[in-house]
Every structure is written in structure tokens, then in C-alpha cells.
Amino acid sequence: MLRKKKALIYFRSAGILCLSIILASCSPKVTVKNYEGVYGANPPVESYEPFALFYFPTTELSGYTSLATIKVKEAGLTINCSLETILALAEEKARELGGNCLQITEHKEPDVWSSCHRIEGLVYHIDHAEQYEKHIFWHEMRPLKIDNFRGSTANRPFQAATYSGFRYRGEERPGGRVLITIESYF
């Protein structure tokens, strides 16, 4: 009987350890290489402030100095690694570093070796990031302005038109809880 109890305790401990390892490795891994003398030059950028994302090298950034390199890749048994999730993690880290722009320099799609999107990019702090935004996410600290509308209103009976929508994502939390984030954008 004592042998069965020891075996049961062993299997429970092993199960808890395995579950802990799996849960810890479910999120993608974000690594940052800061550039000496540049990091910390700008305060963190708030989530409602403009943020530009470039998927290719561009001359728009030729006059700016890169703050850091960001890599987002899988971390073992990563399960939440869609392109949207990976880009959101990279943007969050770039904002923490004081950047308001991310230029993707490498994107690897899921393949035989990995089920995750993997990216590498350069972080910048640029002037007028709002002119490069594709979406403006609603936040009470950032009301829409007429300048946010880029299309011409010439020969039209209105001053502005918009497309709006929302996105949502779920994130598993400890204790079997799920955090659902819903964002409205224009």
C-alpha cells in the first residue's frame, strides 16, 4: 500500500511539472538586442499613441537611427503564434523600448519545422507615425480628428468617411481562465 502511495505522489508531481513546463512554453519568445547609447533615449510609447508598421525596407526610415532589433520566435511547444499575435508582441516590446515604428526585416511562415510565424525587425522612433497607420484603435485618450481621414472629399457630399471594425483575441491564463481582449478600430 505504501508503494502505491509513493507511486501516486510521484506521478502527480511529474504531471504538475509537465503541465508547468507546457504552460510556460506556450507563449512565443521575444528577444531584444538594444543598441548602445540609443536605448532609453525615448520614454515608453503608450498603447493609444500612433504606431507605424512596415513590412519591408523603406527609404522613409533613412534619416532615423534604429533603437533595437526584436526577434519573436517559438519557445518549444508554442501554440499561440499566429502572425497577428507575433506582431502584437513585437509592437508591445517596441513601445516599451520607446519606439513608435517597427520595420519587419524577416518573416518566416509556418513550415515543416515550425507551426509558428517568426519575425525579426528593427525598432525606430519616427516623426509623424500616424501618417503610416493602417488602423487607429479606439482609446478615450485618442479621439478621431479630421486629419485621420486621408481620402479626398472633393466632389463628395460628405466631409469624411470611415471603415470600422473590431478584433478579438483570447489568451489562456493560469487557473484555466481565459482573458478575452476586444478592440475597436477605424
Foldseek 3Di string as FASTA:
>chain_A
DVVVVVVVVVVVVVVVVVVVVLVVQQAWDKDKDFDPPQFPPAAFADPQDAAAEAAADDCVCVVWDFGIKMKTGGRPNHDPAEPVRSVVVVCNVLSRRRFRYKYWHDWDDADPVGNHIITMTTGTHDPPSLVRDPKRWDDPVDDDDLVSADDDCPPHPDSGDDDKDKDKDWDADPPRDIDIDMIIID
